[in-house]
PDB file of N, CA and C in Angstrom:
ATOM      1  N   UNK A   1      19.654  46.408  89.401  1.00  0.00           N
ATOM      2  CA  UNK A   1      20.675  46.234  88.900  1.00  0.00           C
ATOM      3  C   UNK A   1      21.839  45.374  89.641  1.00  0.00           C
ATOM      4  N   UNK A   2      21.846  45.520  90.799  1.00  0.00           N
ATOM      5  CA  UNK A   2      22.666  44.359  91.959  1.00  0.00           C
ATOM      6  C   UNK A   2      21.678  43.710  92.543  1.00  0.00           C
ATOM      7  N   UNK A   3      22.476  42.434  92.227  1.00  0.00           N
ATOM      8  CA  UNK A   3      21.315  41.013  92.412  1.00  0.00           C
ATOM      9  C   UNK A   3      22.119  40.281  93.700  1.00  0.00           C
ATOM     10  N   UNK A   4      21.117  39.437  94.178  1.00  0.00           N
ATOM     11  CA  UNK A   4      21.637  38.640  95.296  1.00  0.00           C
ATOM     12  C   UNK A   4      22.790  37.641  94.749  1.00  0.00           C
ATOM     13  N   UNK A   5      22.484  37.444  93.691  1.00  0.00           N
ATOM     14  CA  UNK A   5      23.357  36.309  92.728  1.00  0.00           C
ATOM     15  C   UNK A   5      24.960  37.276  92.798  1.00  0.00           C
ATOM     16  N   UNK A   6      25.245  38.478  92.492  1.00  0.00           N
ATOM     17  CA  UNK A   6      26.370  39.148  92.370  1.00  0.00           C
ATOM     18  C   UNK A   6      26.647  39.314  93.708  1.00  0.00           C
ATOM     19  N   UNK A   7      25.984  39.576  94.844  1.00  0.00           N
ATOM     20  CA  UNK A   7      26.465  39.566  95.993  1.00  0.00           C
ATOM     21  C   UNK A   7      27.448  38.153  96.620  1.00  0.00           C
ATOM     22  N   UNK A   8      26.639  37.072  96.188  1.00  0.00           N
ATOM     23  CA  UNK A   8      27.080  35.592  96.376  1.00  0.00           C
ATOM     24  C   UNK A   8      28.289  35.518  95.704  1.00  0.00           C
ATOM     25  N   UNK A   9      28.365  35.844  94.226  1.00  0.00           N
ATOM     26  CA  UNK A   9      29.609  35.717  93.326  1.00  0.00           C
ATOM     27  C   UNK A   9      30.771  36.588  94.160  1.00  0.00           C
ATOM     28  N   UNK A  10      30.377  37.677  94.749  1.00  0.00           N
ATOM     29  CA  UNK A  10      31.533  38.441  95.368  1.00  0.00           C
ATOM     30  C   UNK A  10      32.103  37.783  96.527  1.00  0.00           C
ATOM     31  N   UNK A  11      31.291  37.028  97.130  1.00  0.00           N
ATOM     32  CA  UNK A  11      31.640  36.482  98.547  1.00  0.00           C
ATOM     33  C   UNK A  11      32.344  35.359  98.132  1.00  0.00           C
ATOM     34  N   UNK A  12      32.165  34.423  97.207  1.00  0.00           N
ATOM     35  CA  UNK A  12      33.057  33.296  96.620  1.00  0.00           C
ATOM     36  C   UNK A  12      33.697  33.538  95.660  1.00  0.00           C
ATOM     37  N   UNK A  13      34.293  34.665  95.141  1.00  0.00           N
ATOM     38  CA  UNK A  13      35.120  34.666  94.185  1.00  0.00           C
ATOM     39  C   UNK A  13      36.385  34.178  94.523  1.00  0.00           C
ATOM     40  N   UNK A  14      37.138  33.665  93.358  1.00  0.00           N
ATOM     41  CA  UNK A  14      38.465  33.175  93.550  1.00  0.00           C
ATOM     42  C   UNK A  14      39.499  34.376  93.145  1.00  0.00           C
ATOM     43  N   UNK A  15      38.879  35.445  92.676  1.00  0.00           N
ATOM     44  CA  UNK A  15      39.678  36.513  92.409  1.00  0.00           C
ATOM     45  C   UNK A  15      40.590  37.216  93.555  1.00  0.00           C
ATOM     46  N   UNK A  16      41.820  37.850  93.424  1.00  0.00           N
ATOM     47  CA  UNK A  16      42.280  38.430  94.652  1.00  0.00           C
ATOM     48  C   UNK A  16      41.893  39.639  94.696  1.00  0.00           C
ATOM     49  N   UNK A  17      41.202  39.892  96.068  1.00  0.00           N
ATOM     50  CA  UNK A  17      40.596  41.165  96.543  1.00  0.00           C
ATOM     51  C   UNK A  17      39.452  41.489  95.686  1.00  0.00           C
ATOM     52  N   UNK A  18      38.207  40.955  95.374  1.00  0.00           N
ATOM     53  CA  UNK A  18      37.486  41.018  94.598  1.00  0.00           C
ATOM     54  C   UNK A  18      36.621  42.120  94.888  1.00  0.00           C
ATOM     55  N   UNK A  19      36.174  43.024  94.032  1.00  0.00           N
ATOM     56  CA  UNK A  19      35.133  43.920  94.607  1.00  0.00           C
ATOM     57  C   UNK A  19      33.905  43.928  93.402  1.00  0.00           C
ATOM     58  N   UNK A  20      32.711  44.368  93.897  1.00  0.00           N
ATOM     59  CA  UNK A  20      31.824  44.704  93.216  1.00  0.00           C
ATOM     60  C   UNK A  20      31.656  46.348  92.752  1.00  0.00           C
ATOM     61  N   UNK A  21      31.653  46.406  91.596  1.00  0.00           N
ATOM     62  CA  UNK A  21      31.627  47.604  90.837  1.00  0.00           C
ATOM     63  C   UNK A  21      30.425  47.718  89.691  1.00  0.00           C
ATOM     64  N   UNK A  22      30.132  49.406  89.666  1.00  0.00           N
ATOM     65  CA  UNK A  22      29.295  49.388  88.206  1.00  0.00           C
ATOM     66  C   UNK A  22      30.060  50.187  87.376  1.00  0.00           C
ATOM     67  N   UNK A  23      30.103  49.562  86.162  1.00  0.00           N
ATOM     68  CA  UNK A  23      30.845  50.512  85.077  1.00  0.00           C
ATOM     69  C   UNK A  23      29.823  50.249  83.931  1.00  0.00           C
ATOM     70  N   UNK A  24      29.919  51.320  82.824  1.00  0.00           N
ATOM     71  CA  UNK A  24      28.816  51.222  81.964  1.00  0.00           C
ATOM     72  C   UNK A  24      27.291  50.842  82.191  1.00  0.00           C
ATOM     73  N   UNK A  25      26.944  51.142  83.412  1.00  0.00           N
ATOM     74  CA  UNK A  25      25.538  50.954  83.796  1.00  0.00           C
ATOM     75  C   UNK A  25      25.427  49.400  84.286  1.00  0.00           C
ATOM     76  N   UNK A  26      26.429  48.828  84.565  1.00  0.00           N
ATOM     77  CA  UNK A  26      26.441  47.352  84.760  1.00  0.00           C
ATOM     78  C   UNK A  26      27.201  46.878  85.731  1.00  0.00           C
ATOM     79  N   UNK A  27      26.736  46.079  86.909  1.00  0.00           N
ATOM     80  CA  UNK A  27      27.355  45.503  87.937  1.00  0.00           C
ATOM     81  C   UNK A  27      28.437  44.308  87.588  1.00  0.00           C
ATOM     82  N   UNK A  28      29.635  44.209  88.178  1.00  0.00           N
ATOM     83  CA  UNK A  28      30.186  43.011  87.714  1.00  0.00           C
ATOM     84  C   UNK A  28      31.267  42.754  89.255  1.00  0.00           C
ATOM     85  N   UNK A  29      31.726  41.853  89.270  1.00  0.00           N
ATOM     86  CA  UNK A  29      32.726  41.258  90.531  1.00  0.00           C
ATOM     87  C   UNK A  29      33.990  41.249  89.491  1.00  0.00           C
ATOM     88  N   UNK A  30      34.654  42.202  90.023  1.00  0.00           N
ATOM     89  CA  UNK A  30      36.557  42.123  89.409  1.00  0.00           C
ATOM     90  C   UNK A  30      37.422  42.341  90.631  1.00  0.00           C
ATOM     91  N   UNK A  31      38.686  41.788  89.933  1.00  0.00           N
ATOM     92  CA  UNK A  31      39.616  41.954  91.064  1.00  0.00           C
ATOM     93  C   UNK A  31      40.177  43.252  91.278  1.00  0.00           C
ATOM     94  N   UNK A  32      40.367  43.673  92.664  1.00  0.00           N
ATOM     95  CA  UNK A  32      40.797  45.149  92.846  1.00  0.00           C
ATOM     96  C   UNK A  32      41.688  45.658  91.693  1.00  0.00           C
ATOM     97  N   UNK A  33      42.771  44.976  91.705  1.00  0.00           N
ATOM     98  CA  UNK A  33      43.698  45.351  90.327  1.00  0.00           C
ATOM     99  C   UNK A  33      43.098  45.687  88.967  1.00  0.00           C
ATOM    100  N   UNK A  34      42.139  45.391  89.053  1.00  0.00           N
ATOM    101  CA  UNK A  34      41.279  45.640  87.489  1.00  0.00           C
ATOM    102  C   UNK A  34      41.006  47.148  87.470  1.00  0.00           C
ATOM    103  N   UNK A  35      40.804  47.534  88.740  1.00  0.00           N
ATOM    104  CA  UNK A  35      40.277  49.044  88.472  1.00  0.00           C
ATOM    105  C   UNK A  35      41.324  49.936  87.863  1.00  0.00           C
ATOM    106  N   UNK A  36      42.625  49.534  87.963  1.00  0.00           N
ATOM    107  CA  UNK A  36      43.296  50.183  87.386  1.00  0.00           C
ATOM    108  C   UNK A  36      43.729  50.118  86.066  1.00  0.00           C
ATOM    109  N   UNK A  37      42.943  49.350  85.163  1.00  0.00           N
ATOM    110  CA  UNK A  37      42.935  49.185  83.962  1.00  0.00           C
ATOM    111  C   UNK A  37      41.779  50.032  82.999  1.00  0.00           C
ATOM    112  N   UNK A  38      42.308  50.272  82.079  1.00  0.00           N
ATOM    113  CA  UNK A  38      41.485  51.144  80.873  1.00  0.00           C
ATOM    114  C   UNK A  38      39.983  50.673  80.954  1.00  0.00           C
ATOM    115  N   UNK A  39      39.504  49.368  81.025  1.00  0.00           N
ATOM    116  CA  UNK A  39      38.355  48.812  80.996  1.00  0.00           C
ATOM    117  C   UNK A  39      37.745  49.453  82.219  1.00  0.00           C
ATOM    118  N   UNK A  40      38.004  49.380  83.434  1.00  0.00           N
ATOM    119  CA  UNK A  40      37.279  49.735  84.762  1.00  0.00           C
ATOM    120  C   UNK A  40      37.548  50.856  85.287  1.00  0.00           C
ATOM    121  N   UNK A  41      38.519  52.003  84.537  1.00  0.00           N
ATOM    122  CA  UNK A  41      38.868  53.363  84.780  1.00  0.00           C
ATOM    123  C   UNK A  41      37.607  54.057  85.074  1.00  0.00           C
ATOM    124  N   UNK A  42      37.316  54.658  86.208  1.00  0.00           N
ATOM    125  CA  UNK A  42      36.172  55.575  86.335  1.00  0.00           C
ATOM    126  C   UNK A  42      35.002  54.509  86.924  1.00  0.00           C
ATOM    127  N   UNK A  43      35.134  53.340  87.078  1.00  0.00           N
ATOM    128  CA  UNK A  43      34.448  52.407  87.542  1.00  0.00           C
ATOM    129  C   UNK A  43      33.765  52.979  88.892  1.00  0.00           C
ATOM    130  N   UNK A  44      32.698  52.726  89.500  1.00  0.00           N
ATOM    131  CA  UNK A  44      32.251  52.851  90.675  1.00  0.00           C
ATOM    132  C   UNK A  44      32.345  51.943  91.847  1.00  0.00           C
ATOM    133  N   UNK A  45      33.225  51.756  92.471  1.00  0.00           N
ATOM    134  CA  UNK A  45      33.254  50.809  93.534  1.00  0.00           C
ATOM    135  C   UNK A  45      32.138  50.674  94.715  1.00  0.00           C
ATOM    136  N   UNK A  46      31.339  49.579  94.538  1.00  0.00           N
ATOM    137  CA  UNK A  46      30.357  49.512  95.372  1.00  0.00           C
ATOM    138  C   UNK A  46      30.718  48.755  96.659  1.00  0.00           C
ATOM    139  N   UNK A  47      31.113  47.644  96.918  1.00  0.00           N
ATOM    140  CA  UNK A  47      31.853  46.915  98.080  1.00  0.00           C
ATOM    141  C   UNK A  47      32.698  45.942  97.624  1.00  0.00           C
ATOM    142  N   UNK A  48      33.446  45.707  98.773  1.00  0.00           N
ATOM    143  CA  UNK A  48      34.683  44.686  98.561  1.00  0.00           C
ATOM    144  C   UNK A  48      34.078  43.348  99.150  1.00  0.00           C
ATOM    145  N   UNK A  49      34.779  42.054  99.126  1.00  0.00           N
ATOM    146  CA  UNK A  49      34.484  41.072  99.945  1.00  0.00           C
ATOM    147  C   UNK A  49      34.837  41.255 101.175  1.00  0.00           C
ATOM    148  N   UNK A  50      35.953  42.013 101.447  1.00  0.00           N
ATOM    149  CA  UNK A  50      36.724  42.146 102.605  1.00  0.00           C
ATOM    150  C   UNK A  50      35.371  42.975 103.486  1.00  0.00           C
ATOM    151  N   UNK A  51      34.858  43.983 102.894  1.00  0.00           N
ATOM    152  CA  UNK A  51      33.883  44.783 103.703  1.00  0.00           C
ATOM    153  C   UNK A  51      32.533  43.919 103.886  1.00  0.00           C
ATOM    154  N   UNK A  52      32.117  43.142 102.974  1.00  0.00           N
ATOM    155  CA  UNK A  52      31.105  42.529 103.286  1.00  0.00           C
ATOM    156  C   UNK A  52      31.250  41.554 104.373  1.00  0.00           C
ATOM    157  N   UNK A  53      32.439  40.723 104.510  1.00  0.00           N
ATOM    158  CA  UNK A  53      32.646  39.562 105.408  1.00  0.00           C
ATOM    159  C   UNK A  53      32.711  40.537 106.826  1.00  0.00           C
ATOM    160  N   UNK A  54      33.279  41.672 106.879  1.00  0.00           N
ATOM    161  CA  UNK A  54      33.412  42.196 108.102  1.00  0.00           C
ATOM    162  C   UNK A  54      31.906  42.689 108.451  1.00  0.00           C
ATOM    163  N   UNK A  55      31.162  43.074 107.741  1.00  0.00           N
ATOM    164  CA  UNK A  55      29.805  43.405 107.953  1.00  0.00           C
ATOM    165  C   UNK A  55      28.957  42.054 108.244  1.00  0.00           C
ATOM    166  N   UNK A  56      29.268  41.026 107.679  1.00  0.00           N
ATOM    167  CA  UNK A  56      28.669  39.678 108.302  1.00  0.00           C
ATOM    168  C   UNK A  56      29.462  38.764 109.255  1.00  0.00           C
ATOM    169  N   UNK A  57      30.336  39.512 109.784  1.00  0.00           N
ATOM    170  CA  UNK A  57      30.949  38.835 111.161  1.00  0.00           C
ATOM    171  C   UNK A  57      31.649  37.503 110.400  1.00  0.00           C
ATOM    172  N   UNK A  58      31.909  37.540 109.367  1.00  0.00           N
ATOM    173  CA  UNK A  58      32.392  36.345 108.643  1.00  0.00           C
ATOM    174  C   UNK A  58      31.613  34.916 108.537  1.00  0.00           C
ATOM    175  N   UNK A  59      30.186  35.150 108.786  1.00  0.00           N
ATOM    176  CA  UNK A  59      29.353  34.259 108.646  1.00  0.00           C
ATOM    177  C   UNK A  59      28.755  34.363 107.303  1.00  0.00           C
ATOM    178  N   UNK A  60      28.158  32.986 106.633  1.00  0.00           N
ATOM    179  CA  UNK A  60      27.879  32.744 105.244  1.00  0.00           C
ATOM    180  C   UNK A  60      26.426  33.171 105.412  1.00  0.00           C
ATOM    181  N   UNK A  61      25.989  34.144 104.590  1.00  0.00           N
ATOM    182  CA  UNK A  61      24.662  34.890 104.533  1.00  0.00           C
ATOM    183  C   UNK A  61      23.695  33.941 104.175  1.00  0.00           C
ATOM    184  N   UNK A  62      22.299  33.762 104.551  1.00  0.00           N
ATOM    185  CA  UNK A  62      21.033  33.353 104.133  1.00  0.00           C
ATOM    186  C   UNK A  62      20.783  33.878 102.439  1.00  0.00           C
ATOM    187  N   UNK A  63      19.869  33.386 102.108  1.00  0.00           N
ATOM    188  CA  UNK A  63      19.350  33.749 100.445  1.00  0.00           C
ATOM    189  C   UNK A  63      18.682  35.029 101.184  1.00  0.00           C
ATOM    190  N   UNK A  64      18.005  35.429 102.111  1.00  0.00           N
ATOM    191  CA  UNK A  64      17.142  36.449 102.588  1.00  0.00           C
ATOM    192  C   UNK A  64      18.567  37.629 102.754  1.00  0.00           C
ATOM    193  N   UNK A  65      19.574  37.357 103.534  1.00  0.00           N
ATOM    194  CA  UNK A  65      20.353  38.364 103.707  1.00  0.00           C
ATOM    195  C   UNK A  65      20.985  38.679 102.452  1.00  0.00           C
ATOM    196  N   UNK A  66      21.455  37.759 101.399  1.00  0.00           N
ATOM    197  CA  UNK A  66      21.821  38.308 100.311  1.00  0.00           C
ATOM    198  C   UNK A  66      20.896  39.171  99.432  1.00  0.00           C
ATOM    199  N   UNK A  67      19.567  38.855  99.648  1.00  0.00           N
ATOM    200  CA  UNK A  67      18.677  39.768  99.053  1.00  0.00           C
ATOM    201  C   UNK A  67      18.558  41.118  99.634  1.00  0.00           C
ATOM    202  N   UNK A  68      18.680  41.233 101.148  1.00  0.00           N
ATOM    203  CA  UNK A  68      18.659  42.264 101.694  1.00  0.00           C
ATOM    204  C   UNK A  68      20.269  43.384 101.449  1.00  0.00           C
ATOM    205  N   UNK A  69      20.969  42.673 101.494  1.00  0.00           N
ATOM    206  CA  UNK A  69      22.069  43.265 101.202  1.00  0.00           C
ATOM    207  C   UNK A  69      22.025  44.086  99.554  1.00  0.00           C
ATOM    208  N   UNK A  70      21.806  42.912  98.782  1.00  0.00           N
ATOM    209  CA  UNK A  70      21.714  43.391  97.210  1.00  0.00           C
ATOM    210  C   UNK A  70      20.490  44.986  96.983  1.00  0.00           C
ATOM    211  N   UNK A  71      19.568  44.636  97.831  1.00  0.00           N
ATOM    212  CA  UNK A  71      18.686  45.810  98.007  1.00  0.00           C
ATOM    213  C   UNK A  71      19.293  47.021  98.419  1.00  0.00           C
ATOM    214  N   UNK A  72      19.875  46.829  99.515  1.00  0.00           N
ATOM    215  CA  UNK A  72      20.400  48.138 100.057  1.00  0.00           C
ATOM    216  C   UNK A  72      21.603  48.711  98.990  1.00  0.00           C
ATOM    217  N   UNK A  73      22.512  48.203  98.417  1.00  0.00           N
ATOM    218  CA  UNK A  73      23.604  48.272  97.698  1.00  0.00           C
ATOM    219  C   UNK A  73      22.980  48.978  96.340  1.00  0.00           C
ATOM    220  N   UNK A  74      21.773  48.253  95.941  1.00  0.00           N
ATOM    221  CA  UNK A  74      21.251  48.551  94.599  1.00  0.00           C
ATOM    222  C   UNK A  74      20.574  50.267  94.690  1.00  0.00           C
ATOM    223  N   UNK A  75      19.964  50.371  96.262  1.00  0.00           N
ATOM    224  CA  UNK A  75      19.135  51.753  96.377  1.00  0.00           C
ATOM    225  C   UNK A  75      20.334  52.669  96.280  1.00  0.00           C
ATOM    226  N   UNK A  76      21.493  52.363  96.990  1.00  0.00           N
ATOM    227  CA  UNK A  76      22.659  53.431  97.140  1.00  0.00           C
ATOM    228  C   UNK A  76      23.152  53.856  95.672  1.00  0.00           C
ATOM    229  N   UNK A  77      23.247  52.796  94.955  1.00  0.00           N
ATOM    230  CA  UNK A  77      23.731  52.939  93.572  1.00  0.00           C
ATOM    231  C   UNK A  77      22.486  54.018  93.079  1.00  0.00           C
ATOM    232  N   UNK A  78      21.419  53.499  93.123  1.00  0.00           N
ATOM    233  CA  UNK A  78      20.445  54.637  92.322  1.00  0.00           C
ATOM    234  C   UNK A  78      20.474  55.729  92.685  1.00  0.00           C
ATOM    235  N   UNK A  79      20.543  55.940  94.231  1.00  0.00           N
ATOM    236  CA  UNK A  79      20.610  57.386  94.675  1.00  0.00           C
ATOM    237  C   UNK A  79      21.806  58.280  94.122  1.00  0.00           C
ATOM    238  N   UNK A  80      22.915  57.306  93.856  1.00  0.00           N
ATOM    239  CA  UNK A  80      23.833  58.066  93.074  1.00  0.00           C
ATOM    240  C   UNK A  80      24.045  58.153  91.783  1.00  0.00           C
ATOM    241  N   UNK A  81      23.153  57.867  91.103  1.00  0.00           N
ATOM    242  CA  UNK A  81      22.642  58.060  89.695  1.00  0.00           C
ATOM    243  C   UNK A  81      23.608  57.131  88.733  1.00  0.00           C
ATOM    244  N   UNK A  82      24.205  56.123  89.231  1.00  0.00           N
ATOM    245  CA  UNK A  82      25.164  55.400  88.809  1.00  0.00           C
ATOM    246  C   UNK A  82      24.325  54.306  87.674  1.00  0.00           C
TER     247      UNK A  82
END
């Protein structure tokens, strides 16, 4: 469900305060403000760019790190049953 490409998209997004969410069984990168709209009401927030940058100490992640982050977040989402 969560892919390395989505993690990269989150980190590179031009959106204001981007977050990775799961809504209707699909993961998407959206601006945090979108969570207040009907389309994303009830979406599960997985990670924000701010959180990931803090975790990465501001470093640009390698492909391997993107894969590890995606796998970890995907496992978390799976455990939650989203």
